Amino acid sequence: MMFDDVLGMSRYCTDEFCNSVRDEFGASIVADVLEPIQNEISSLCAFNEEFQQNATNVNQVLQEAQSLQMGGGSSL
């Protein structure tokens, strides 16, 4: 989806960083900067997925309403 590539790149960069830095300062950057960024991107992925599902549901309802209106029928 929209943020999956960003999350993948973030994970790749974090892994590369972790492989090259092995001190307390590097660990603090991972814990205090990189992991929160990944968590935010993961949240955006979940939000986007939910938004897309809701948009699909709304479009289906609208299509059903349009087909009822065009058919001239009323099921109410």
PDB file of N, CA and C in Angstrom:
ATOM      1  N   MET A   1       0.827  -1.188   0.000  1.00  0.00           N
ATOM      2  CA  MET A   1       0.000   0.000   0.000  1.00  0.00           C
ATOM      3  C   MET A   1       0.871   1.252   0.000  1.00  0.00           C
ATOM      4  N   MET A   2       0.236   2.322   0.346  1.00  0.00           N
ATOM      5  CA  MET A   2       0.859   3.625   0.239  1.00  0.00           C
ATOM      6  C   MET A   2       2.108   3.775   1.107  1.00  0.00           C
ATOM      7  N   PHE A   3       2.083   3.292   2.320  1.00  0.00           N
ATOM      8  CA  PHE A   3       3.184   3.490   3.251  1.00  0.00           C
ATOM      9  C   PHE A   3       4.079   2.262   3.393  1.00  0.00           C
ATOM     10  N   ASP A   4       3.736   1.175   2.732  1.00  0.00           N
ATOM     11  CA  ASP A   4       4.526  -0.052   2.870  1.00  0.00           C
ATOM     12  C   ASP A   4       5.966   0.130   2.407  1.00  0.00           C
ATOM     13  N   ASP A   5       6.156   0.844   1.296  1.00  0.00           N
ATOM     14  CA  ASP A   5       7.517   1.085   0.809  1.00  0.00           C
ATOM     15  C   ASP A   5       8.308   1.937   1.788  1.00  0.00           C
ATOM     16  N   VAL A   6       7.643   2.925   2.369  1.00  0.00           N
ATOM     17  CA  VAL A   6       8.304   3.796   3.344  1.00  0.00           C
ATOM     18  C   VAL A   6       8.701   2.987   4.576  1.00  0.00           C
ATOM     19  N   LEU A   7       7.806   2.114   5.031  1.00  0.00           N
ATOM     20  CA  LEU A   7       8.111   1.278   6.186  1.00  0.00           C
ATOM     21  C   LEU A   7       9.260   0.331   5.879  1.00  0.00           C
ATOM     22  N   GLY A   8       9.257  -0.255   4.702  1.00  0.00           N
ATOM     23  CA  GLY A   8      10.346  -1.141   4.304  1.00  0.00           C
ATOM     24  C   GLY A   8      11.680  -0.417   4.260  1.00  0.00           C
ATOM     25  N   MET A   9      11.681   0.782   3.716  1.00  0.00           N
ATOM     26  CA  MET A   9      12.919   1.567   3.645  1.00  0.00           C
ATOM     27  C   MET A   9      13.377   1.963   5.041  1.00  0.00           C
ATOM     28  N   SER A  10      12.442   2.313   5.892  1.00  0.00           N
ATOM     29  CA  SER A  10      12.790   2.667   7.266  1.00  0.00           C
ATOM     30  C   SER A  10      13.418   1.484   7.998  1.00  0.00           C
ATOM     31  N   ARG A  11      12.839   0.327   7.816  1.00  0.00           N
ATOM     32  CA  ARG A  11      13.401  -0.877   8.449  1.00  0.00           C
ATOM     33  C   ARG A  11      14.783  -1.198   7.898  1.00  0.00           C
ATOM     34  N   TYR A  12      14.945  -1.045   6.598  1.00  0.00           N
ATOM     35  CA  TYR A  12      16.240  -1.297   5.977  1.00  0.00           C
ATOM     36  C   TYR A  12      17.294  -0.334   6.537  1.00  0.00           C
ATOM     37  N   CYS A  13      16.952   0.945   6.591  1.00  0.00           N
ATOM     38  CA  CYS A  13      17.902   1.942   7.107  1.00  0.00           C
ATOM     39  C   CYS A  13      18.225   1.696   8.578  1.00  0.00           C
ATOM     40  N   THR A  14      17.224   1.321   9.348  1.00  0.00           N
ATOM     41  CA  THR A  14      17.459   1.013  10.760  1.00  0.00           C
ATOM     42  C   THR A  14      18.385  -0.186  10.893  1.00  0.00           C
ATOM     43  N   ASP A  15      18.152  -1.213  10.108  1.00  0.00           N
ATOM     44  CA  ASP A  15      19.027  -2.396  10.145  1.00  0.00           C
ATOM     45  C   ASP A  15      20.455  -2.037   9.759  1.00  0.00           C
ATOM     46  N   GLU A  16      20.605  -1.229   8.711  1.00  0.00           N
ATOM     47  CA  GLU A  16      21.939  -0.806   8.284  1.00  0.00           C
ATOM     48  C   GLU A  16      22.621   0.000   9.386  1.00  0.00           C
ATOM     49  N   PHE A  17      21.874   0.872  10.015  1.00  0.00           N
ATOM     50  CA  PHE A  17      22.423   1.676  11.099  1.00  0.00           C
ATOM     51  C   PHE A  17      22.848   0.787  12.259  1.00  0.00           C
ATOM     52  N   CYS A  18      21.976  -0.143  12.628  1.00  0.00           N
ATOM     53  CA  CYS A  18      22.285  -1.050  13.744  1.00  0.00           C
ATOM     54  C   CYS A  18      23.520  -1.897  13.459  1.00  0.00           C
ATOM     55  N   ASN A  19      23.710  -2.269  12.220  1.00  0.00           N
ATOM     56  CA  ASN A  19      24.870  -3.080  11.856  1.00  0.00           C
ATOM     57  C   ASN A  19      26.177  -2.300  11.918  1.00  0.00           C
ATOM     58  N   SER A  20      26.107  -0.984  11.822  1.00  0.00           N
ATOM     59  CA  SER A  20      27.337  -0.199  11.796  1.00  0.00           C
ATOM     60  C   SER A  20      27.636   0.516  13.113  1.00  0.00           C
ATOM     61  N   VAL A  21      26.659   0.616  13.995  1.00  0.00           N
ATOM     62  CA  VAL A  21      26.853   1.324  15.267  1.00  0.00           C
ATOM     63  C   VAL A  21      26.536   0.370  16.413  1.00  0.00           C
ATOM     64  N   ARG A  22      27.501   0.212  17.307  1.00  0.00           N
ATOM     65  CA  ARG A  22      27.301  -0.746  18.397  1.00  0.00           C
ATOM     66  C   ARG A  22      27.592  -0.142  19.777  1.00  0.00           C
ATOM     67  N   ASP A  23      27.324   1.112  19.932  1.00  0.00           N
ATOM     68  CA  ASP A  23      27.567   1.721  21.235  1.00  0.00           C
ATOM     69  C   ASP A  23      26.253   2.196  21.852  1.00  0.00           C
ATOM     70  N   GLU A  24      26.341   2.727  23.051  1.00  0.00           N
ATOM     71  CA  GLU A  24      25.151   3.158  23.778  1.00  0.00           C
ATOM     72  C   GLU A  24      24.456   4.316  23.077  1.00  0.00           C
ATOM     73  N   PHE A  25      25.235   5.218  22.524  1.00  0.00           N
ATOM     74  CA  PHE A  25      24.649   6.350  21.808  1.00  0.00           C
ATOM     75  C   PHE A  25      23.867   5.867  20.585  1.00  0.00           C
ATOM     76  N   GLY A  26      24.436   4.936  19.835  1.00  0.00           N
ATOM     77  CA  GLY A  26      23.744   4.376  18.678  1.00  0.00           C
ATOM     78  C   GLY A  26      22.464   3.671  19.081  1.00  0.00           C
ATOM     79  N   ALA A  27      22.539   2.924  20.181  1.00  0.00           N
ATOM     80  CA  ALA A  27      21.341   2.232  20.677  1.00  0.00           C
ATOM     81  C   ALA A  27      20.260   3.233  21.078  1.00  0.00           C
ATOM     82  N   SER A  28      20.675   4.364  21.640  1.00  0.00           N
ATOM     83  CA  SER A  28      19.690   5.369  22.039  1.00  0.00           C
ATOM     84  C   SER A  28      19.040   6.007  20.807  1.00  0.00           C
ATOM     85  N   ILE A  29      19.796   6.164  19.730  1.00  0.00           N
ATOM     86  CA  ILE A  29      19.204   6.693  18.499  1.00  0.00           C
ATOM     87  C   ILE A  29      18.158   5.728  17.960  1.00  0.00           C
ATOM     88  N   VAL A  30      18.478   4.444  18.007  1.00  0.00           N
ATOM     89  CA  VAL A  30      17.513   3.435  17.551  1.00  0.00           C
ATOM     90  C   VAL A  30      16.257   3.492  18.412  1.00  0.00           C
ATOM     91  N   ALA A  31      16.441   3.472  19.729  1.00  0.00           N
ATOM     92  CA  ALA A  31      15.301   3.424  20.649  1.00  0.00           C
ATOM     93  C   ALA A  31      14.492   4.716  20.672  1.00  0.00           C
ATOM     94  N   ASP A  32      15.180   5.855  20.602  1.00  0.00           N
ATOM     95  CA  ASP A  32      14.503   7.141  20.788  1.00  0.00           C
ATOM     96  C   ASP A  32      14.073   7.811  19.484  1.00  0.00           C
ATOM     97  N   VAL A  33      14.667   7.409  18.361  1.00  0.00           N
ATOM     98  CA  VAL A  33      14.358   8.075  17.092  1.00  0.00           C
ATOM     99  C   VAL A  33      13.806   7.092  16.060  1.00  0.00           C
ATOM    100  N   LEU A  34      14.593   6.081  15.747  1.00  0.00           N
ATOM    101  CA  LEU A  34      14.226   5.208  14.625  1.00  0.00           C
ATOM    102  C   LEU A  34      13.018   4.323  14.926  1.00  0.00           C
ATOM    103  N   GLU A  35      12.976   3.716  16.108  1.00  0.00           N
ATOM    104  CA  GLU A  35      11.819   2.871  16.436  1.00  0.00           C
ATOM    105  C   GLU A  35      10.519   3.662  16.519  1.00  0.00           C
ATOM    106  N   PRO A  36      10.505   4.851  17.139  1.00  0.00           N
ATOM    107  CA  PRO A  36       9.257   5.634  17.113  1.00  0.00           C
ATOM    108  C   PRO A  36       8.821   6.018  15.702  1.00  0.00           C
ATOM    109  N   ILE A  37       9.789   6.303  14.830  1.00  0.00           N
ATOM    110  CA  ILE A  37       9.433   6.615  13.446  1.00  0.00           C
ATOM    111  C   ILE A  37       8.780   5.398  12.799  1.00  0.00           C
ATOM    112  N   GLN A  38       9.356   4.219  13.014  1.00  0.00           N
ATOM    113  CA  GLN A  38       8.768   3.001  12.453  1.00  0.00           C
ATOM    114  C   GLN A  38       7.376   2.747  13.016  1.00  0.00           C
ATOM    115  N   ASN A  39       7.195   3.014  14.294  1.00  0.00           N
ATOM    116  CA  ASN A  39       5.871   2.836  14.900  1.00  0.00           C
ATOM    117  C   ASN A  39       4.846   3.779  14.278  1.00  0.00           C
ATOM    118  N   GLU A  40       5.258   5.019  14.024  1.00  0.00           N
ATOM    119  CA  GLU A  40       4.352   5.979  13.397  1.00  0.00           C
ATOM    120  C   GLU A  40       4.001   5.549  11.964  1.00  0.00           C
ATOM    121  N   ILE A  41       4.998   5.077  11.241  1.00  0.00           N
ATOM    122  CA  ILE A  41       4.740   4.615   9.876  1.00  0.00           C
ATOM    123  C   ILE A  41       3.809   3.400   9.899  1.00  0.00           C
ATOM    124  N   SER A  42       4.017   2.500  10.848  1.00  0.00           N
ATOM    125  CA  SER A  42       3.125   1.336  10.985  1.00  0.00           C
ATOM    126  C   SER A  42       1.699   1.785  11.275  1.00  0.00           C
ATOM    127  N   SER A  43       1.565   2.801  12.118  1.00  0.00           N
ATOM    128  CA  SER A  43       0.232   3.338  12.415  1.00  0.00           C
ATOM    129  C   SER A  43      -0.402   3.935  11.168  1.00  0.00           C
ATOM    130  N   LEU A  44       0.406   4.637  10.376  1.00  0.00           N
ATOM    131  CA  LEU A  44      -0.105   5.198   9.122  1.00  0.00           C
ATOM    132  C   LEU A  44      -0.536   4.095   8.162  1.00  0.00           C
ATOM    133  N   CYS A  45       0.219   3.002   8.123  1.00  0.00           N
ATOM    134  CA  CYS A  45      -0.157   1.861   7.277  1.00  0.00           C
ATOM    135  C   CYS A  45      -1.515   1.313   7.695  1.00  0.00           C
ATOM    136  N   ALA A  46      -1.697   1.126   8.998  1.00  0.00           N
ATOM    137  CA  ALA A  46      -2.959   0.594   9.508  1.00  0.00           C
ATOM    138  C   ALA A  46      -4.109   1.573   9.237  1.00  0.00           C
ATOM    139  N   PHE A  47      -3.865   2.864   9.468  1.00  0.00           N
ATOM    140  CA  PHE A  47      -4.884   3.876   9.205  1.00  0.00           C
ATOM    141  C   PHE A  47      -5.258   3.887   7.733  1.00  0.00           C
ATOM    142  N   ASN A  48      -4.256   3.838   6.859  1.00  0.00           N
ATOM    143  CA  ASN A  48      -4.514   3.854   5.419  1.00  0.00           C
ATOM    144  C   ASN A  48      -5.306   2.617   4.989  1.00  0.00           C
ATOM    145  N   GLU A  49      -4.960   1.469   5.541  1.00  0.00           N
ATOM    146  CA  GLU A  49      -5.684   0.242   5.205  1.00  0.00           C
ATOM    147  C   GLU A  49      -7.150   0.341   5.624  1.00  0.00           C
ATOM    148  N   GLU A  50      -7.383   0.843   6.831  1.00  0.00           N
ATOM    149  CA  GLU A  50      -8.755   1.012   7.314  1.00  0.00           C
ATOM    150  C   GLU A  50      -9.509   2.036   6.464  1.00  0.00           C
ATOM    151  N   PHE A  51      -8.836   3.119   6.109  1.00  0.00           N
ATOM    152  CA  PHE A  51      -9.447   4.140   5.265  1.00  0.00           C
ATOM    153  C   PHE A  51      -9.836   3.565   3.904  1.00  0.00           C
ATOM    154  N   GLN A  52      -8.933   2.795   3.302  1.00  0.00           N
ATOM    155  CA  GLN A  52      -9.211   2.190   2.003  1.00  0.00           C
ATOM    156  C   GLN A  52     -10.399   1.240   2.086  1.00  0.00           C
ATOM    157  N   GLN A  53     -10.477   0.458   3.163  1.00  0.00           N
ATOM    158  CA  GLN A  53     -11.598  -0.465   3.332  1.00  0.00           C
ATOM    159  C   GLN A  53     -12.906   0.302   3.490  1.00  0.00           C
ATOM    160  N   ASN A  54     -12.880   1.366   4.277  1.00  0.00           N
ATOM    161  CA  ASN A  54     -14.081   2.181   4.447  1.00  0.00           C
ATOM    162  C   ASN A  54     -14.489   2.840   3.136  1.00  0.00           C
ATOM    163  N   ALA A  55     -13.522   3.317   2.362  1.00  0.00           N
ATOM    164  CA  ALA A  55     -13.824   3.928   1.068  1.00  0.00           C
ATOM    165  C   ALA A  55     -14.460   2.903   0.131  1.00  0.00           C
ATOM    166  N   THR A  56     -13.945   1.686   0.150  1.00  0.00           N
ATOM    167  CA  THR A  56     -14.517   0.615  -0.678  1.00  0.00           C
ATOM    168  C   THR A  56     -15.956   0.335  -0.255  1.00  0.00           C
ATOM    169  N   ASN A  57     -16.187   0.269   1.045  1.00  0.00           N
ATOM    170  CA  ASN A  57     -17.541   0.021   1.552  1.00  0.00           C
ATOM    171  C   ASN A  57     -18.504   1.139   1.143  1.00  0.00           C
ATOM    172  N   VAL A  58     -18.051   2.381   1.258  1.00  0.00           N
ATOM    173  CA  VAL A  58     -18.895   3.512   0.877  1.00  0.00           C
ATOM    174  C   VAL A  58     -19.210   3.459  -0.618  1.00  0.00           C
ATOM    175  N   ASN A  59     -18.196   3.158  -1.423  1.00  0.00           N
ATOM    176  CA  ASN A  59     -18.427   3.064  -2.873  1.00  0.00           C
ATOM    177  C   ASN A  59     -19.418   1.968  -3.216  1.00  0.00           C
ATOM    178  N   GLN A  60     -19.355   0.844  -2.513  1.00  0.00           N
ATOM    179  CA  GLN A  60     -20.308  -0.239  -2.758  1.00  0.00           C
ATOM    180  C   GLN A  60     -21.725   0.191  -2.420  1.00  0.00           C
ATOM    181  N   VAL A  61     -21.883   0.870  -1.296  1.00  0.00           N
ATOM    182  CA  VAL A  61     -23.211   1.344  -0.890  1.00  0.00           C
ATOM    183  C   VAL A  61     -23.731   2.359  -1.907  1.00  0.00           C
ATOM    184  N   LEU A  62     -22.859   3.262  -2.354  1.00  0.00           N
ATOM    185  CA  LEU A  62     -23.279   4.246  -3.354  1.00  0.00           C
ATOM    186  C   LEU A  62     -23.687   3.580  -4.661  1.00  0.00           C
ATOM    187  N   GLN A  63     -22.939   2.578  -5.094  1.00  0.00           N
ATOM    188  CA  GLN A  63     -23.289   1.859  -6.321  1.00  0.00           C
ATOM    189  C   GLN A  63     -24.629   1.151  -6.172  1.00  0.00           C
ATOM    190  N   GLU A  64     -24.859   0.551  -5.016  1.00  0.00           N
ATOM    191  CA  GLU A  64     -26.149  -0.109  -4.774  1.00  0.00           C
ATOM    192  C   GLU A  64     -27.283   0.903  -4.796  1.00  0.00           C
ATOM    193  N   ALA A  65     -27.061   2.070  -4.181  1.00  0.00           N
ATOM    194  CA  ALA A  65     -28.095   3.105  -4.163  1.00  0.00           C
ATOM    195  C   ALA A  65     -28.372   3.616  -5.570  1.00  0.00           C
ATOM    196  N   GLN A  66     -27.308   3.785  -6.362  1.00  0.00           N
ATOM    197  CA  GLN A  66     -27.498   4.245  -7.736  1.00  0.00           C
ATOM    198  C   GLN A  66     -28.247   3.213  -8.571  1.00  0.00           C
ATOM    199  N   SER A  67     -27.946   1.943  -8.351  1.00  0.00           N
ATOM    200  CA  SER A  67     -28.647   0.911  -9.136  1.00  0.00           C
ATOM    201  C   SER A  67     -30.116   0.846  -8.733  1.00  0.00           C
ATOM    202  N   LEU A  68     -30.425   1.067  -7.459  1.00  0.00           N
ATOM    203  CA  LEU A  68     -31.828   1.103  -7.032  1.00  0.00           C
ATOM    204  C   LEU A  68     -32.552   2.305  -7.639  1.00  0.00           C
ATOM    205  N   GLN A  69     -31.853   3.438  -7.669  1.00  0.00           N
ATOM    206  CA  GLN A  69     -32.457   4.652  -8.211  1.00  0.00           C
ATOM    207  C   GLN A  69     -32.690   4.500  -9.709  1.00  0.00           C
ATOM    208  N   MET A  70     -31.752   3.936 -10.423  1.00  0.00           N
ATOM    209  CA  MET A  70     -31.896   3.762 -11.868  1.00  0.00           C
ATOM    210  C   MET A  70     -32.965   2.732 -12.198  1.00  0.00           C
ATOM    211  N   GLY A  71     -33.099   1.752 -11.337  1.00  0.00           N
ATOM    212  CA  GLY A  71     -34.104   0.718 -11.556  1.00  0.00           C
ATOM    213  C   GLY A  71     -35.509   1.203 -11.260  1.00  0.00           C
ATOM    214  N   GLY A  72     -35.585   2.332 -10.585  1.00  0.00           N
ATOM    215  CA  GLY A  72     -36.895   2.893 -10.272  1.00  0.00           C
ATOM    216  C   GLY A  72     -37.597   2.166  -9.148  1.00  0.00           C
ATOM    217  N   GLY A  73     -36.937   1.151  -8.628  1.00  0.00           N
ATOM    218  CA  GLY A  73     -37.552   0.376  -7.556  1.00  0.00           C
ATOM    219  C   GLY A  73     -37.241   0.974  -6.199  1.00  0.00           C
ATOM    220  N   SER A  74     -38.103   0.634  -5.280  1.00  0.00           N
ATOM    221  CA  SER A  74     -37.885   1.078  -3.908  1.00  0.00           C
ATOM    222  C   SER A  74     -38.115  -0.104  -3.003  1.00  0.00           C
ATOM    223  N   SER A  75     -37.096  -0.410  -2.220  1.00  0.00           N
ATOM    224  CA  SER A  75     -37.245  -1.538  -1.307  1.00  0.00           C
ATOM    225  C   SER A  75     -37.554  -1.081   0.101  1.00  0.00           C
ATOM    226  N   LEU A  76     -37.848   0.224   0.243  1.00  0.00           N
ATOM    227  CA  LEU A  76     -38.164   0.753   1.579  1.00  0.00           C
ATOM    228  C   LEU A  76     -39.627   0.724   1.851  1.00  0.00           C
TER     229      LEU A  76
END
